[in-house]
Amino acid sequence: MQSARTFNIHHAADLTGPVQASGKPVLYTHTLCPYAQRVFLALLYKAVPFELVQVELSNKPSWYRGVNPRGLVPAVVHEGKARTESLDLCRCGGGALSQAGCAA
């Protein structure tokens, strides 16, 4: 059984600022970060539609510190709030990010 892809890929270096996704979470990630991979897999497993932004950690765009002041991945922005703890993000998933216990 083949499932439809639930995300679009963006590259931070090609963007002038954070991705604006109405209603969808935006996952900022790096392919070599196991914590970001954990969140990516959780979103896929839960079939949450999301936007994915690849961030080159050795050459982060200046605007990324506005997403995560620590400059690390993963970061998920949903409904204007950024969250960065991978285990919490895995527990909460996409639409549940705004529920009690999943607040920033």
Protein backbone atom coordinates (compact mmCIF):
# COMPACT_ATOMS: atom_id res chain seq x y z
CA MET A 1 0.00 0.00 0.00
CA GLN A 2 1.43 3.35 -1.01
CA SER A 3 0.55 6.48 0.94
CA ALA A 4 0.61 10.03 -0.32
CA ARG A 5 3.42 12.29 0.82
CA THR A 6 2.18 14.61 3.56
CA PHE A 7 4.93 17.24 3.39
CA ASN A 8 6.65 19.73 1.09
CA ILE A 9 10.41 20.29 1.22
CA HIS A 10 12.08 23.70 1.40
CA HIS A 11 15.74 24.61 1.80
CA ALA A 12 16.48 27.35 4.31
CA ALA A 13 19.29 28.75 2.16
CA ASP A 14 16.74 29.49 -0.59
CA LEU A 15 14.32 31.31 1.72
CA THR A 16 14.26 34.93 2.82
CA GLY A 17 12.52 34.10 6.09
CA PRO A 18 10.57 31.42 7.94
CA VAL A 19 7.98 29.41 6.01
CA GLN A 20 4.42 30.60 6.54
CA ALA A 21 2.10 27.58 6.44
CA SER A 22 -1.52 28.26 7.22
CA GLY A 23 -2.67 25.65 9.70
CA LYS A 24 0.20 23.22 9.06
CA PRO A 25 3.20 22.70 11.34
CA VAL A 26 6.60 23.60 9.90
CA LEU A 27 9.45 21.24 10.82
CA TYR A 28 12.95 22.73 10.68
CA THR A 29 15.42 19.88 10.41
CA HIS A 30 18.83 18.66 9.29
CA THR A 31 19.29 15.26 7.67
CA LEU A 32 22.04 14.18 10.10
CA CYS A 33 20.25 15.14 13.33
CA PRO A 34 18.74 12.06 15.00
CA TYR A 35 16.44 14.20 17.16
CA ALA A 36 15.00 15.91 14.10
CA GLN A 37 14.69 12.55 12.34
CA ARG A 38 12.67 11.28 15.30
CA VAL A 39 10.17 14.15 14.91
CA PHE A 40 10.06 13.69 11.13
CA LEU A 41 9.20 9.99 11.52
CA ALA A 42 6.56 10.73 14.16
CA LEU A 43 4.83 13.24 11.87
CA LEU A 44 4.92 10.74 9.00
CA TYR A 45 3.59 7.95 11.21
CA LYS A 46 0.72 10.14 12.39
CA ALA A 47 0.05 11.23 8.76
CA VAL A 48 0.24 14.90 9.75
CA PRO A 49 0.47 17.28 6.77
CA PHE A 50 3.47 19.58 7.35
CA GLU A 51 6.10 21.72 5.70
CA LEU A 52 9.72 20.57 6.01
CA VAL A 53 12.62 23.02 5.95
CA GLN A 54 16.17 21.67 5.63
CA VAL A 55 18.56 23.87 7.64
CA GLU A 56 22.30 23.65 6.99
CA LEU A 57 23.61 23.82 10.55
CA SER A 58 27.09 24.96 9.56
CA ASN A 59 25.63 27.86 7.56
CA LYS A 60 22.29 28.80 9.16
CA PRO A 61 20.44 31.76 7.66
CA SER A 62 20.32 34.77 9.97
CA TRP A 63 16.51 34.60 10.23
CA TYR A 64 16.62 31.11 11.77
CA ARG A 65 17.50 32.48 15.22
CA GLY A 66 14.04 34.06 15.17
CA VAL A 67 12.59 30.55 14.91
CA ASN A 68 14.86 28.98 17.52
CA PRO A 69 17.12 31.38 19.46
CA ARG A 70 19.48 28.48 20.25
CA GLY A 71 19.91 27.86 16.52
CA LEU A 72 19.33 24.11 16.87
CA VAL A 73 17.07 21.58 15.19
CA PRO A 74 14.49 20.23 15.42
CA ALA A 75 12.10 23.09 15.73
CA VAL A 76 8.42 22.94 14.89
CA VAL A 77 6.41 26.10 14.42
CA HIS A 78 2.66 25.68 14.65
CA GLU A 79 0.05 28.39 15.16
CA GLY A 80 2.81 30.94 15.73
CA LYS A 81 4.56 29.02 18.52
CA ALA A 82 7.93 27.30 18.21
CA ARG A 83 8.67 24.09 20.06
CA THR A 84 12.05 22.42 20.16
CA GLU A 85 12.06 19.33 22.40
CA SER A 86 11.92 16.28 20.14
CA LEU A 87 10.26 13.89 22.60
CA ASP A 88 7.53 16.39 23.37
CA LEU A 89 7.00 16.96 19.66
CA CYS A 90 6.73 13.22 19.05
CA ARG A 91 4.12 12.87 21.78
CA CYS A 92 2.06 15.82 20.56
CA GLY A 93 2.08 15.37 16.81
CA GLY A 94 0.67 17.89 14.36
CA GLY A 95 -2.84 19.02 15.21
CA ALA A 96 -2.30 18.13 18.86
CA LEU A 97 0.48 20.70 19.21
CA SER A 98 -2.03 23.28 20.38
CA GLN A 99 -3.62 21.00 22.99
CA ALA A 100 -3.01 21.18 26.73
CA GLY A 101 0.37 19.75 27.69
CA CYS A 102 1.88 20.58 24.31
CA ALA A 103 2.20 24.32 24.84
CA ALA A 104 5.56 25.99 24.35
